Amino acid sequence: MSYKMKDEVKNEFKEPMVAYITRSQGMPLYNLFGGAAAFSSDFDMVKLARQGFPKKALLALAKKISLSIQELANILHISERTLQRYEDDAIIKTEYAEKAVELARLYTRGEEVFGSLDKFKLWVKAPSLVFNGEAPVSFLDTSAGFDMVFNELGRIEHGIFA
């Protein structure tokens, strides 16, 4: 007696690889560091934040988002003098790098909501009733302050102003 084998049907699901590729090259976030930190994806950003950024990447960020060294130092919780003592190629501590990444994310989000980085820079430095008459930038020295500003951007994006 002979048995015929049925052709085996493989139960494989072929997914397009594009679904697993992270956002990269075109992200404005990466442009805020002025090419002083090399990364092309979110994973690279996390890796560099863990290792720390060179000081020149922080200075490029501050310049692009129109923050003075003093304002940047206050947000990073570092003295202005200590920040100035770092050599341009010196790697700053990871806690400062992480805060810089958060700052870049905020400004990128603000640019998306306002349609231009210049408009967002004006808004973030202008006193607002929502922030008890203070400028949103004055709240960026705490993680709760970052959350407040991100939340307000969400409200503005959806047309909820009060």
C-alpha atoms as a PDB file:
ATOM      1  CA  MET A   1       0.000   0.000   0.000  1.00  0.00           C
ATOM      2  CA  SER A   2       1.426   3.316  -0.918  1.00  0.00           C
ATOM      3  CA  TYR A   3       0.767   6.581   0.835  1.00  0.00           C
ATOM      4  CA  LYS A   4       0.850   9.883  -0.870  1.00  0.00           C
ATOM      5  CA  MET A   5       2.256  12.694   1.161  1.00  0.00           C
ATOM      6  CA  LYS A   6       0.338  15.907   0.970  1.00  0.00           C
ATOM      7  CA  ASP A   7       2.318  18.979   0.195  1.00  0.00           C
ATOM      8  CA  GLU A   8       3.028  20.604   3.483  1.00  0.00           C
ATOM      9  CA  VAL A   9       1.723  24.081   3.810  1.00  0.00           C
ATOM     10  CA  LYS A  10       3.934  26.289   5.893  1.00  0.00           C
ATOM     11  CA  ASN A  11       2.134  28.520   8.329  1.00  0.00           C
ATOM     12  CA  GLU A  12       4.482  31.432   8.108  1.00  0.00           C
ATOM     13  CA  PHE A  13       3.441  34.989   8.368  1.00  0.00           C
ATOM     14  CA  LYS A  14       5.658  37.327   6.468  1.00  0.00           C
ATOM     15  CA  GLU A  15       5.616  40.815   7.886  1.00  0.00           C
ATOM     16  CA  PRO A  16       7.075  43.787   6.149  1.00  0.00           C
ATOM     17  CA  MET A  17      10.307  44.836   7.827  1.00  0.00           C
ATOM     18  CA  VAL A  18       9.382  48.480   7.490  1.00  0.00           C
ATOM     19  CA  ALA A  19       7.015  48.101  10.440  1.00  0.00           C
ATOM     20  CA  TYR A  20       9.994  47.567  12.715  1.00  0.00           C
ATOM     21  CA  ILE A  21      12.222  50.365  11.530  1.00  0.00           C
ATOM     22  CA  THR A  22      12.383  53.258  13.961  1.00  0.00           C
ATOM     23  CA  ARG A  23      12.030  56.862  12.958  1.00  0.00           C
ATOM     24  CA  SER A  24      15.330  58.342  11.926  1.00  0.00           C
ATOM     25  CA  GLN A  25      17.148  60.639   9.549  1.00  0.00           C
ATOM     26  CA  GLY A  26      14.291  63.057   8.966  1.00  0.00           C
ATOM     27  CA  MET A  27      13.596  63.703  12.643  1.00  0.00           C
ATOM     28  CA  PRO A  28      14.128  67.349  13.562  1.00  0.00           C
ATOM     29  CA  LEU A  29      15.176  66.278  17.055  1.00  0.00           C
ATOM     30  CA  TYR A  30      18.497  65.078  15.728  1.00  0.00           C
ATOM     31  CA  ASN A  31      19.126  68.353  13.955  1.00  0.00           C
ATOM     32  CA  LEU A  32      18.906  70.317  17.206  1.00  0.00           C
ATOM     33  CA  PHE A  33      22.276  69.007  18.349  1.00  0.00           C
ATOM     34  CA  GLY A  34      23.926  70.547  15.296  1.00  0.00           C
ATOM     35  CA  GLY A  35      25.670  67.390  14.151  1.00  0.00           C
ATOM     36  CA  ALA A  36      27.830  67.449  17.294  1.00  0.00           C
ATOM     37  CA  ALA A  37      26.311  64.132  18.375  1.00  0.00           C
ATOM     38  CA  ALA A  38      26.038  61.395  15.754  1.00  0.00           C
ATOM     39  CA  PHE A  39      22.849  59.345  15.836  1.00  0.00           C
ATOM     40  CA  SER A  40      20.236  58.217  13.374  1.00  0.00           C
ATOM     41  CA  SER A  41      17.573  56.535  15.482  1.00  0.00           C
ATOM     42  CA  ASP A  42      15.922  56.597  18.871  1.00  0.00           C
ATOM     43  CA  PHE A  43      18.142  53.697  19.937  1.00  0.00           C
ATOM     44  CA  ASP A  44      21.251  55.702  19.114  1.00  0.00           C
ATOM     45  CA  MET A  45      19.804  58.616  21.091  1.00  0.00           C
ATOM     46  CA  VAL A  46      19.301  56.422  24.159  1.00  0.00           C
ATOM     47  CA  LYS A  47      22.803  54.985  23.789  1.00  0.00           C
ATOM     48  CA  LEU A  48      24.379  58.436  23.570  1.00  0.00           C
ATOM     49  CA  ALA A  49      22.310  59.758  26.462  1.00  0.00           C
ATOM     50  CA  ARG A  50      23.581  56.852  28.582  1.00  0.00           C
ATOM     51  CA  GLN A  51      27.173  57.543  27.561  1.00  0.00           C
ATOM     52  CA  GLY A  52      26.857  61.323  27.780  1.00  0.00           C
ATOM     53  CA  PHE A  53      27.105  64.023  25.107  1.00  0.00           C
ATOM     54  CA  PRO A  54      30.066  66.191  24.278  1.00  0.00           C
ATOM     55  CA  LYS A  55      29.737  69.738  25.564  1.00  0.00           C
ATOM     56  CA  LYS A  56      29.655  71.064  22.006  1.00  0.00           C
ATOM     57  CA  ALA A  57      26.401  69.116  21.416  1.00  0.00           C
ATOM     58  CA  LEU A  58      24.831  70.916  24.375  1.00  0.00           C
ATOM     59  CA  LEU A  59      26.041  74.279  23.152  1.00  0.00           C
ATOM     60  CA  ALA A  60      24.667  73.554  19.671  1.00  0.00           C
ATOM     61  CA  LEU A  61      21.314  72.663  21.254  1.00  0.00           C
ATOM     62  CA  ALA A  62      21.283  75.843  23.344  1.00  0.00           C
ATOM     63  CA  LYS A  63      22.080  77.946  20.282  1.00  0.00           C
ATOM     64  CA  LYS A  64      19.381  76.336  18.114  1.00  0.00           C
ATOM     65  CA  ILE A  65      16.679  76.776  20.756  1.00  0.00           C
ATOM     66  CA  SER A  66      17.859  80.270  21.768  1.00  0.00           C
ATOM     67  CA  LEU A  67      18.787  79.537  25.364  1.00  0.00           C
ATOM     68  CA  SER A  68      21.639  81.303  27.101  1.00  0.00           C
ATOM     69  CA  ILE A  69      24.324  79.281  28.862  1.00  0.00           C
ATOM     70  CA  GLN A  70      22.820  80.400  32.179  1.00  0.00           C
ATOM     71  CA  GLU A  71      19.310  79.220  31.186  1.00  0.00           C
ATOM     72  CA  LEU A  72      20.701  75.900  29.964  1.00  0.00           C
ATOM     73  CA  ALA A  73      22.707  75.449  33.157  1.00  0.00           C
ATOM     74  CA  ASN A  74      19.607  76.101  35.275  1.00  0.00           C
ATOM     75  CA  ILE A  75      17.593  73.523  33.345  1.00  0.00           C
ATOM     76  CA  LEU A  76      20.393  70.944  33.592  1.00  0.00           C
ATOM     77  CA  HIS A  77      20.981  71.645  37.316  1.00  0.00           C
ATOM     78  CA  ILE A  78      24.643  72.454  36.816  1.00  0.00           C
ATOM     79  CA  SER A  79      26.415  75.665  37.672  1.00  0.00           C
ATOM     80  CA  GLU A  80      27.158  77.929  34.750  1.00  0.00           C
ATOM     81  CA  ARG A  81      30.822  78.032  35.731  1.00  0.00           C
ATOM     82  CA  THR A  82      31.100  74.237  35.843  1.00  0.00           C
ATOM     83  CA  LEU A  83      29.517  73.998  32.416  1.00  0.00           C
ATOM     84  CA  GLN A  84      31.976  76.567  31.067  1.00  0.00           C
ATOM     85  CA  ARG A  85      34.950  74.639  32.487  1.00  0.00           C
ATOM     86  CA  TYR A  86      34.199  71.577  30.365  1.00  0.00           C
ATOM     87  CA  GLU A  87      36.287  71.329  27.207  1.00  0.00           C
ATOM     88  CA  ASP A  88      34.228  71.332  23.994  1.00  0.00           C
ATOM     89  CA  ASP A  89      34.933  67.642  23.360  1.00  0.00           C
ATOM     90  CA  ALA A  90      34.535  66.638  27.007  1.00  0.00           C
ATOM     91  CA  ILE A  91      31.701  64.232  27.696  1.00  0.00           C
ATOM     92  CA  ILE A  92      29.221  65.589  30.195  1.00  0.00           C
ATOM     93  CA  LYS A  93      27.507  63.391  32.764  1.00  0.00           C
ATOM     94  CA  THR A  94      24.586  61.220  31.735  1.00  0.00           C
ATOM     95  CA  GLU A  95      22.051  63.053  33.909  1.00  0.00           C
ATOM     96  CA  TYR A  96      22.793  66.252  31.997  1.00  0.00           C
ATOM     97  CA  ALA A  97      22.664  64.438  28.668  1.00  0.00           C
ATOM     98  CA  GLU A  98      19.305  62.912  29.551  1.00  0.00           C
ATOM     99  CA  LYS A  99      17.890  66.328  30.426  1.00  0.00           C
ATOM    100  CA  ALA A 100      19.255  67.692  27.126  1.00  0.00           C
ATOM    101  CA  VAL A 101      17.458  64.922  25.226  1.00  0.00           C
ATOM    102  CA  GLU A 102      14.220  65.812  27.021  1.00  0.00           C
ATOM    103  CA  LEU A 103      14.755  69.458  26.134  1.00  0.00           C
ATOM    104  CA  ALA A 104      15.319  68.588  22.467  1.00  0.00           C
ATOM    105  CA  ARG A 105      12.172  66.419  22.479  1.00  0.00           C
ATOM    106  CA  LEU A 106      10.154  69.288  23.929  1.00  0.00           C
ATOM    107  CA  TYR A 107      11.358  71.787  21.346  1.00  0.00           C
ATOM    108  CA  THR A 108      10.738  69.290  18.545  1.00  0.00           C
ATOM    109  CA  ARG A 109       7.202  68.746  19.813  1.00  0.00           C
ATOM    110  CA  GLY A 110       6.695  72.493  20.134  1.00  0.00           C
ATOM    111  CA  GLU A 111       7.815  72.968  16.545  1.00  0.00           C
ATOM    112  CA  GLU A 112       5.267  70.354  15.428  1.00  0.00           C
ATOM    113  CA  VAL A 113       2.436  72.038  17.347  1.00  0.00           C
ATOM    114  CA  PHE A 114       3.254  75.643  16.419  1.00  0.00           C
ATOM    115  CA  GLY A 115       4.385  74.905  12.871  1.00  0.00           C
ATOM    116  CA  SER A 116       7.719  76.639  13.358  1.00  0.00           C
ATOM    117  CA  LEU A 117      10.518  76.539  15.866  1.00  0.00           C
ATOM    118  CA  ASP A 118      10.635  80.347  16.015  1.00  0.00           C
ATOM    119  CA  LYS A 119       6.969  80.567  17.036  1.00  0.00           C
ATOM    120  CA  PHE A 120       7.486  77.955  19.734  1.00  0.00           C
ATOM    121  CA  LYS A 121      10.590  79.744  21.054  1.00  0.00           C
ATOM    122  CA  LEU A 122       8.516  82.919  21.438  1.00  0.00           C
ATOM    123  CA  TRP A 123       5.700  81.054  23.200  1.00  0.00           C
ATOM    124  CA  VAL A 124       7.976  79.168  25.607  1.00  0.00           C
ATOM    125  CA  LYS A 125       9.593  82.407  26.805  1.00  0.00           C
ATOM    126  CA  ALA A 126       6.380  84.454  27.076  1.00  0.00           C
ATOM    127  CA  PRO A 127       4.513  84.686  30.418  1.00  0.00           C
ATOM    128  CA  SER A 128       1.302  82.686  30.370  1.00  0.00           C
ATOM    129  CA  LEU A 129      -1.794  82.603  32.557  1.00  0.00           C
ATOM    130  CA  VAL A 130      -1.729  78.813  32.401  1.00  0.00           C
ATOM    131  CA  PHE A 131       1.655  78.906  34.146  1.00  0.00           C
ATOM    132  CA  ASN A 132       0.580  81.476  36.773  1.00  0.00           C
ATOM    133  CA  GLY A 133       2.064  84.372  34.837  1.00  0.00           C
ATOM    134  CA  GLU A 134       5.457  82.715  34.380  1.00  0.00           C
ATOM    135  CA  ALA A 135       7.074  81.665  31.133  1.00  0.00           C
ATOM    136  CA  PRO A 136       6.904  77.930  30.396  1.00  0.00           C
ATOM    137  CA  VAL A 137      10.716  77.804  30.112  1.00  0.00           C
ATOM    138  CA  SER A 138      10.950  78.601  33.836  1.00  0.00           C
ATOM    139  CA  PHE A 139       9.321  75.229  34.613  1.00  0.00           C
ATOM    140  CA  LEU A 140      11.834  73.151  32.674  1.00  0.00           C
ATOM    141  CA  ASP A 141      14.147  72.629  35.630  1.00  0.00           C
ATOM    142  CA  THR A 142      11.900  69.802  36.909  1.00  0.00           C
ATOM    143  CA  SER A 143      10.405  66.709  35.305  1.00  0.00           C
ATOM    144  CA  ALA A 144       6.952  67.800  36.507  1.00  0.00           C
ATOM    145  CA  GLY A 145       7.523  71.117  34.731  1.00  0.00           C
ATOM    146  CA  PHE A 146       8.390  69.298  31.513  1.00  0.00           C
ATOM    147  CA  ASP A 147       5.160  67.319  31.876  1.00  0.00           C
ATOM    148  CA  MET A 148       3.164  70.523  32.389  1.00  0.00           C
ATOM    149  CA  VAL A 149       4.595  72.078  29.231  1.00  0.00           C
ATOM    150  CA  PHE A 150       4.095  68.879  27.192  1.00  0.00           C
ATOM    151  CA  ASN A 151       0.483  68.701  28.429  1.00  0.00           C
ATOM    152  CA  GLU A 152      -0.146  72.316  27.501  1.00  0.00           C
ATOM    153  CA  LEU A 153       1.224  71.652  24.019  1.00  0.00           C
ATOM    154  CA  GLY A 154      -1.294  68.824  23.716  1.00  0.00           C
ATOM    155  CA  ARG A 155      -4.110  71.160  24.729  1.00  0.00           C
ATOM    156  CA  ILE A 156      -3.001  73.770  22.208  1.00  0.00           C
ATOM    157  CA  GLU A 157      -2.760  71.140  19.482  1.00  0.00           C
ATOM    158  CA  HIS A 158      -6.352  70.067  20.159  1.00  0.00           C
ATOM    159  CA  GLY A 159      -7.702  73.579  20.548  1.00  0.00           C
ATOM    160  CA  ILE A 160      -8.278  73.431  24.308  1.00  0.00           C
ATOM    161  CA  PHE A 161      -7.013  76.743  25.656  1.00  0.00           C
ATOM    162  CA  ALA A 162      -8.659  76.933  29.063  1.00  0.00           C
END
